[in-house]
Amino acid sequence: MSASAEPQAAAEAAACGRVPDFFIVGHAKSGTTALYEMLRRHPQIFLPDRKEPQFFARNPDPPRSADGRPVPGQTGRRTETQAEYMALYAPAGPGQHVGDGSTFYLWSPEAPGRIARAQPAARIIAILREPASFIDSLHRQMLQNHTETERDLRTALALEAARRRGESIPASAFWPEALLYSERVRYVEQLRRFHAVFPREQVLVLIYDDFRADNEATVRRVLRFLDVDDSSPLAAVEANPSVDVRSPRMRAVVRAVYRRENRLGAAVRLTAKAVTTRRLRGRLLYPLRQRVLYRPAGQADEQLMAELRGRFAPEVRALSEYLERDLVALWGYDRLG
């Protein structure tokens, strides 16, 4: 680059924003959204309205099956340039700590190294949840966001072998690898990937139970980890609760309207926009849609939960040793039959 071009390049880079200073890397359904919302209320922290950019987890050359469909290994269909990603952080003030909250980073093999190369001084925050309850909640989330179509968790788990081969993947699955539920609970392997590229003092591992028991204490711990004032008043946030889908058929109809997937859907959407304001739609139509499509999460299949705890007991024991904390007792794995 010539000397004359350097100021222009620097100005363009500044206009795009900057690489985040810290990353909430996951897991999903483990309090990350609540933590994100509580942190973004802090005056010394900037987190964009858009959570889950997943920029560092995206695969630039996703594998495809013979018929051209994405197979596990692809991390999302959306492409995004570095300039587009950094533009998310352009509104941050010069003295603010900038963060990215993307729950796929923890289980993405590529994300830790990519983050480390882009921001070697980054602070990393991970939240871990008891494996069986995590998988149950994650499965409900995958149903809610149209990635999963199999409503029975036991059957969905049995499909993992086929899905690794690129089979039995729903057409609506925007991130097929997310359907490999058992891959998500390889906690020690996931933490080691981050510890391989970041000093341990730059990685904070939280336990979901602690956050649920005392939101405020956990958030203040995070604020100290980020070297910002931890004495500001904090308000607890309940975000992204687990729900069950009432009717897959009704959800498909509403989704077609929302995404204008046919002429009728487009007409209904345009009519709604013509007779309402954005604020009214946010206050009335979105909550109505949520009540029509979803209901509070029902009870988990306790027999399946017991089977999963038996299956993942070695991982919990390994994690307890790795973190030097007795998660076996905390999560009830010492009481397995």
Protein backbone atom coordinates (compact mmCIF):
# COMPACT_ATOMS: atom_id res chain seq x y z
CA MET A 1 0.00 0.00 0.00
CA SER A 2 1.34 3.43 -0.92
CA ALA A 3 1.82 6.13 1.69
CA SER A 4 -0.89 8.23 0.06
CA ALA A 5 -3.40 5.38 0.29
CA GLU A 6 -2.78 4.67 3.99
CA PRO A 7 -4.84 7.60 5.41
CA GLN A 8 -7.81 6.69 3.20
CA ALA A 9 -7.60 3.01 4.24
CA ALA A 10 -7.37 4.02 7.89
CA ALA A 11 -10.40 6.27 7.52
CA GLU A 12 -12.38 3.48 5.87
CA ALA A 13 -11.43 1.05 8.63
CA ALA A 14 -12.46 3.57 11.30
CA ALA A 15 -15.79 4.10 9.57
CA CYS A 16 -16.43 0.36 9.72
CA GLY A 17 -16.06 0.27 13.50
CA ARG A 18 -13.68 -1.99 15.34
CA VAL A 19 -13.12 -5.59 16.34
CA PRO A 20 -14.88 -6.32 19.66
CA ASP A 21 -12.95 -6.32 22.93
CA PHE A 22 -14.89 -9.23 24.44
CA PHE A 23 -16.99 -12.16 23.28
CA ILE A 24 -19.88 -13.99 24.95
CA VAL A 25 -19.26 -17.29 23.19
CA GLY A 26 -22.10 -19.47 24.51
CA HIS A 27 -23.78 -21.79 25.15
CA ALA A 28 -27.28 -21.09 23.89
CA LYS A 29 -30.15 -21.58 26.37
CA SER A 30 -27.72 -20.96 29.21
CA GLY A 31 -28.45 -17.35 30.11
CA THR A 32 -26.41 -15.68 27.39
CA THR A 33 -29.27 -13.45 26.21
CA ALA A 34 -30.06 -12.28 29.74
CA LEU A 35 -26.37 -11.59 30.36
CA TYR A 36 -26.15 -9.72 27.05
CA GLU A 37 -29.15 -7.53 27.89
CA MET A 38 -27.87 -6.75 31.39
CA LEU A 39 -24.39 -5.85 30.15
CA ARG A 40 -25.65 -3.58 27.36
CA ARG A 41 -27.33 -1.36 29.97
CA HIS A 42 -23.89 -0.51 31.39
CA PRO A 43 -22.61 2.91 30.23
CA GLN A 44 -19.06 1.62 29.70
CA ILE A 45 -20.18 -1.25 27.45
CA PHE A 46 -21.49 -1.28 23.89
CA LEU A 47 -23.34 -4.30 22.56
CA PRO A 48 -25.29 -3.89 19.29
CA ASP A 49 -29.01 -4.49 18.95
CA ARG A 50 -28.20 -7.53 16.83
CA LYS A 51 -27.08 -10.43 19.00
CA GLU A 52 -25.60 -13.54 17.34
CA PRO A 53 -23.67 -12.14 14.36
CA GLN A 54 -21.64 -15.40 14.34
CA PHE A 55 -19.03 -13.78 12.07
CA PHE A 56 -16.06 -15.79 13.35
CA ALA A 57 -17.93 -19.11 13.13
CA ARG A 58 -18.93 -18.83 9.49
CA ASN A 59 -17.42 -21.28 7.04
CA PRO A 60 -16.45 -19.47 3.82
CA ASP A 61 -16.62 -22.70 1.78
CA PRO A 62 -19.40 -24.85 3.30
CA PRO A 63 -19.56 -28.54 2.34
CA ARG A 64 -22.54 -29.64 0.25
CA SER A 65 -24.23 -32.95 -0.49
CA ALA A 66 -24.50 -34.38 -4.01
CA ASP A 67 -27.76 -32.52 -4.59
CA GLY A 68 -26.24 -29.22 -3.45
CA ARG A 69 -27.79 -29.08 0.02
CA PRO A 70 -25.68 -27.88 2.95
CA VAL A 71 -24.44 -30.61 5.29
CA PRO A 72 -23.02 -30.50 8.83
CA GLY A 73 -19.84 -28.47 8.81
CA GLN A 74 -21.56 -25.46 7.30
CA THR A 75 -21.95 -22.70 9.83
CA GLY A 76 -24.83 -20.71 8.46
CA ARG A 77 -25.96 -19.68 4.99
CA ARG A 78 -25.53 -15.96 5.47
CA THR A 79 -22.32 -14.38 4.21
CA GLU A 80 -20.93 -11.18 5.65
CA THR A 81 -17.84 -9.11 4.93
CA GLN A 82 -15.53 -7.94 7.67
CA ALA A 83 -16.58 -4.37 6.94
CA GLU A 84 -20.25 -5.28 7.42
CA TYR A 85 -19.46 -7.05 10.67
CA MET A 86 -17.35 -4.21 12.05
CA ALA A 87 -20.03 -1.71 11.09
CA LEU A 88 -22.18 -3.18 13.87
CA TYR A 89 -19.81 -1.52 16.33
CA ALA A 90 -19.43 1.86 14.63
CA PRO A 91 -21.90 3.53 17.07
CA ALA A 92 -19.74 2.63 20.10
CA GLY A 93 -18.20 5.49 22.02
CA PRO A 94 -14.40 5.78 22.13
CA GLY A 95 -14.25 4.80 25.80
CA GLN A 96 -16.70 1.91 25.66
CA HIS A 97 -15.84 -1.78 25.78
CA VAL A 98 -17.31 -3.42 22.68
CA GLY A 99 -18.72 -6.95 22.74
CA ASP A 100 -20.01 -9.70 20.46
CA GLY A 101 -22.52 -12.25 21.76
CA SER A 102 -22.54 -15.32 19.50
CA THR A 103 -23.40 -18.68 21.02
CA PHE A 104 -21.99 -20.76 18.15
CA TYR A 105 -18.43 -19.65 18.89
CA LEU A 106 -18.06 -22.10 21.76
CA TRP A 107 -18.68 -25.21 19.67
CA SER A 108 -17.19 -23.93 16.41
CA PRO A 109 -13.71 -25.46 15.89
CA GLU A 110 -12.66 -22.45 13.79
CA ALA A 111 -13.97 -19.57 15.91
CA PRO A 112 -11.35 -19.51 18.73
CA GLY A 113 -8.41 -19.20 16.37
CA ARG A 114 -10.16 -16.64 14.18
CA ILE A 115 -11.05 -14.50 17.19
CA ALA A 116 -7.51 -14.73 18.57
CA ARG A 117 -5.99 -13.61 15.28
CA ALA A 118 -8.37 -10.68 15.02
CA GLN A 119 -8.21 -9.63 18.69
CA PRO A 120 -5.41 -11.29 20.73
CA ALA A 121 -6.37 -9.30 23.84
CA ALA A 122 -10.03 -10.36 23.72
CA ARG A 123 -11.83 -11.42 26.90
CA ILE A 124 -13.89 -14.59 26.44
CA ILE A 125 -17.04 -15.43 28.44
CA ALA A 126 -18.57 -18.91 28.33
CA ILE A 127 -21.62 -20.22 30.21
CA LEU A 128 -22.12 -23.96 30.72
CA ARG A 129 -25.33 -25.75 31.69
CA GLU A 130 -26.08 -29.27 32.92
CA PRO A 131 -25.98 -31.34 29.69
CA ALA A 132 -29.39 -33.07 29.73
CA SER A 133 -31.42 -29.96 30.55
CA PHE A 134 -29.33 -28.00 28.07
CA ILE A 135 -30.08 -30.42 25.22
CA ASP A 136 -33.78 -30.50 26.09
CA SER A 137 -33.98 -26.70 26.05
CA LEU A 138 -31.86 -26.45 22.91
CA HIS A 139 -34.13 -28.87 21.05
CA ARG A 140 -37.14 -26.71 21.90
CA GLN A 141 -35.25 -23.66 20.61
CA MET A 142 -34.37 -25.42 17.36
CA LEU A 143 -38.07 -26.21 16.87
CA GLN A 144 -38.98 -22.60 17.59
CA ASN A 145 -36.55 -21.12 15.08
CA HIS A 146 -37.42 -23.62 12.29
CA THR A 147 -34.04 -25.38 12.30
CA GLU A 148 -35.60 -28.60 13.63
CA THR A 149 -38.79 -30.33 12.52
CA GLU A 150 -38.63 -33.50 14.63
CA ARG A 151 -40.70 -32.77 17.74
CA ASP A 152 -39.59 -35.83 19.71
CA LEU A 153 -36.17 -35.27 21.28
CA ARG A 154 -35.34 -38.97 21.47
CA THR A 155 -35.97 -39.33 17.75
CA ALA A 156 -34.00 -36.18 16.99
CA LEU A 157 -31.01 -37.59 18.88
CA ALA A 158 -31.31 -40.87 16.98
CA LEU A 159 -31.13 -38.91 13.70
CA GLU A 160 -27.67 -37.54 14.46
CA ALA A 161 -25.81 -40.28 12.56
CA ALA A 162 -27.87 -39.64 9.43
CA ARG A 163 -27.51 -35.91 9.79
CA ARG A 164 -23.74 -36.19 9.97
CA ARG A 165 -23.99 -37.74 6.50
CA GLY A 166 -26.11 -34.83 5.30
CA GLU A 167 -29.37 -36.80 5.47
CA SER A 168 -32.68 -36.05 7.25
CA ILE A 169 -31.85 -32.35 7.42
CA PRO A 170 -34.95 -30.11 7.26
CA ALA A 171 -35.06 -27.78 4.27
CA SER A 172 -35.53 -24.87 6.67
CA ALA A 173 -32.38 -25.67 8.68
CA PHE A 174 -30.26 -22.56 8.18
CA TRP A 175 -27.44 -24.07 10.27
CA PRO A 176 -27.50 -27.88 9.88
CA GLU A 177 -24.64 -28.53 12.30
CA ALA A 178 -26.83 -27.11 15.07
CA LEU A 179 -28.91 -30.30 14.90
CA LEU A 180 -26.05 -32.42 16.26
CA TYR A 181 -27.13 -31.94 19.86
CA SER A 182 -24.63 -34.29 21.49
CA GLU A 183 -21.75 -32.37 19.90
CA ARG A 184 -22.71 -29.34 21.97
CA VAL A 185 -21.85 -30.90 25.34
CA ARG A 186 -18.21 -31.63 24.65
CA TYR A 187 -17.43 -28.91 27.14
CA VAL A 188 -13.81 -29.72 27.94
CA GLU A 189 -12.89 -29.99 24.25
CA GLN A 190 -14.57 -26.64 23.59
CA LEU A 191 -12.81 -24.87 26.46
CA ARG A 192 -9.45 -26.31 25.47
CA ARG A 193 -9.78 -24.75 22.02
CA PHE A 194 -10.06 -21.31 23.61
CA HIS A 195 -7.36 -21.99 26.19
CA ALA A 196 -5.05 -23.05 23.35
CA VAL A 197 -5.13 -19.54 21.86
CA PHE A 198 -5.88 -17.33 24.88
CA PRO A 199 -4.25 -17.14 28.34
CA ARG A 200 -6.53 -18.54 31.04
CA GLU A 201 -6.88 -15.14 32.65
CA GLN A 202 -8.64 -13.95 29.48
CA VAL A 203 -11.27 -16.71 29.62
CA LEU A 204 -14.12 -16.60 32.15
CA VAL A 205 -16.19 -19.77 32.53
CA LEU A 206 -19.55 -19.32 34.24
CA ILE A 207 -22.02 -21.96 35.40
CA TYR A 208 -25.67 -21.46 34.47
CA ASP A 209 -26.87 -22.48 37.94
CA ASP A 210 -24.88 -19.64 39.55
CA PHE A 211 -26.34 -17.12 37.12
CA ARG A 212 -29.89 -18.33 37.75
CA ALA A 213 -29.38 -18.26 41.50
CA ASP A 214 -27.93 -14.74 41.60
CA ASN A 215 -28.03 -12.70 38.39
CA GLU A 216 -26.54 -9.63 40.02
CA ALA A 217 -23.52 -11.33 41.59
CA THR A 218 -22.67 -13.09 38.32
CA VAL A 219 -22.97 -9.92 36.24
CA ARG A 220 -20.79 -7.99 38.68
CA ARG A 221 -18.20 -10.74 38.35
CA VAL A 222 -18.32 -10.28 34.58
CA LEU A 223 -17.97 -6.50 34.92
CA ARG A 224 -14.84 -6.94 37.03
CA PHE A 225 -13.50 -9.39 34.46
CA LEU A 226 -14.03 -6.73 31.77
CA ASP A 227 -12.34 -4.05 33.92
CA VAL A 228 -15.37 -1.76 34.07
CA ASP A 229 -17.17 -0.24 37.03
CA ASP A 230 -19.05 -2.99 38.86
CA SER A 231 -20.88 -0.71 41.29
CA SER A 232 -23.64 0.48 38.94
CA PRO A 233 -27.25 -0.53 39.79
CA LEU A 234 -28.33 -3.71 38.00
CA ALA A 235 -31.75 -5.06 37.13
CA ALA A 236 -32.33 -8.76 36.49
CA VAL A 237 -33.53 -9.68 33.00
CA GLU A 238 -35.59 -12.71 31.96
CA ALA A 239 -34.86 -13.36 28.30
CA ASN A 240 -35.47 -16.06 25.71
CA PRO A 241 -37.46 -18.52 27.87
CA SER A 242 -37.99 -22.05 26.57
CA VAL A 243 -41.33 -22.62 24.83
CA ASP A 244 -43.13 -25.40 22.99
CA VAL A 245 -44.58 -25.04 19.48
CA ARG A 246 -48.39 -25.32 19.61
CA SER A 247 -48.96 -26.35 16.00
CA PRO A 248 -46.23 -26.86 13.35
CA ARG A 249 -48.85 -26.35 10.62
CA MET A 250 -50.01 -23.02 12.04
CA ARG A 251 -46.42 -21.93 12.52
CA ALA A 252 -45.68 -22.74 8.87
CA VAL A 253 -48.64 -20.59 7.76
CA VAL A 254 -47.54 -17.66 9.91
CA ARG A 255 -43.96 -18.05 8.73
CA ALA A 256 -45.11 -17.89 5.10
CA VAL A 257 -46.92 -14.62 5.87
CA TYR A 258 -43.99 -13.19 7.78
CA ARG A 259 -41.46 -14.07 5.06
CA ARG A 260 -43.78 -13.41 2.10
CA GLU A 261 -43.20 -16.94 0.81
CA ASN A 262 -46.29 -16.81 -1.43
CA ARG A 263 -48.64 -14.21 -2.91
CA LEU A 264 -51.14 -14.50 -0.07
CA GLY A 265 -48.40 -14.10 2.53
CA ALA A 266 -47.02 -11.06 0.76
CA ALA A 267 -50.47 -9.49 0.49
CA VAL A 268 -51.25 -10.04 4.18
CA ARG A 269 -47.88 -8.64 5.24
CA LEU A 270 -48.22 -5.55 3.06
CA THR A 271 -51.77 -4.92 4.31
CA ALA A 272 -50.65 -5.19 7.94
CA LYS A 273 -47.86 -2.72 7.30
CA ALA A 274 -50.24 -0.32 5.56
CA VAL A 275 -52.73 -0.14 8.44
CA THR A 276 -50.33 -0.28 11.42
CA THR A 277 -47.17 1.45 12.56
CA ARG A 278 -43.89 -0.32 13.34
CA ARG A 279 -44.37 0.53 17.02
CA LEU A 280 -47.90 -0.90 17.07
CA ARG A 281 -46.75 -4.08 15.36
CA GLY A 282 -44.01 -4.45 17.94
CA ARG A 283 -46.36 -3.87 20.88
CA LEU A 284 -49.37 -5.87 19.69
CA LEU A 285 -48.81 -8.11 16.67
CA TYR A 286 -45.54 -9.72 17.73
CA PRO A 287 -46.79 -10.68 21.24
CA LEU A 288 -50.03 -11.97 19.66
CA ARG A 289 -48.07 -14.10 17.22
CA GLN A 290 -46.00 -15.53 20.10
CA ARG A 291 -49.14 -16.48 22.07
CA VAL A 292 -50.75 -18.10 19.02
CA LEU A 293 -47.69 -20.13 18.04
CA TYR A 294 -46.08 -21.05 21.36
CA ARG A 295 -46.93 -22.10 24.90
CA PRO A 296 -44.76 -22.36 28.03
CA ALA A 297 -42.39 -25.32 27.88
CA GLY A 298 -43.81 -28.57 29.23
CA GLN A 299 -42.06 -31.07 31.43
CA ALA A 300 -39.07 -32.91 30.03
CA ASP A 301 -39.17 -36.68 29.54
CA GLU A 302 -37.59 -37.73 32.83
CA GLN A 303 -36.65 -41.19 31.59
CA LEU A 304 -34.81 -39.67 28.65
CA MET A 305 -33.18 -37.08 30.92
CA ALA A 306 -31.88 -39.88 33.17
CA GLU A 307 -30.52 -41.73 30.14
CA LEU A 308 -28.77 -38.59 28.91
CA ARG A 309 -27.23 -37.93 32.31
CA GLY A 310 -25.84 -41.45 32.32
CA ARG A 311 -24.50 -40.92 28.82
CA PHE A 312 -22.82 -37.60 29.62
CA ALA A 313 -21.55 -38.45 33.11
CA PRO A 314 -17.95 -38.91 31.84
CA GLU A 315 -18.04 -35.42 30.33
CA VAL A 316 -19.30 -33.91 33.60
CA ARG A 317 -16.58 -35.67 35.58
CA ALA A 318 -13.95 -34.47 33.12
CA LEU A 319 -15.30 -30.92 33.29
CA SER A 320 -15.28 -30.97 37.09
CA GLU A 321 -11.62 -31.91 37.02
CA TYR A 322 -10.79 -29.40 34.30
CA LEU A 323 -12.44 -26.48 36.11
CA GLU A 324 -11.53 -27.77 39.58
CA ARG A 325 -15.15 -27.52 40.69
CA ASP A 326 -17.50 -30.29 41.79
CA LEU A 327 -20.13 -30.13 39.06
CA VAL A 328 -20.88 -33.82 39.60
CA ALA A 329 -22.58 -32.95 42.89
CA LEU A 330 -23.99 -29.61 41.73
CA TRP A 331 -25.75 -31.22 38.77
CA GLY A 332 -26.83 -34.35 40.66
CA TYR A 333 -24.59 -36.78 38.77
CA ASP A 334 -23.53 -38.31 42.07
CA ARG A 335 -27.10 -39.60 42.46
CA LEU A 336 -27.37 -41.47 39.19
CA GLY A 337 -28.74 -44.99 39.53
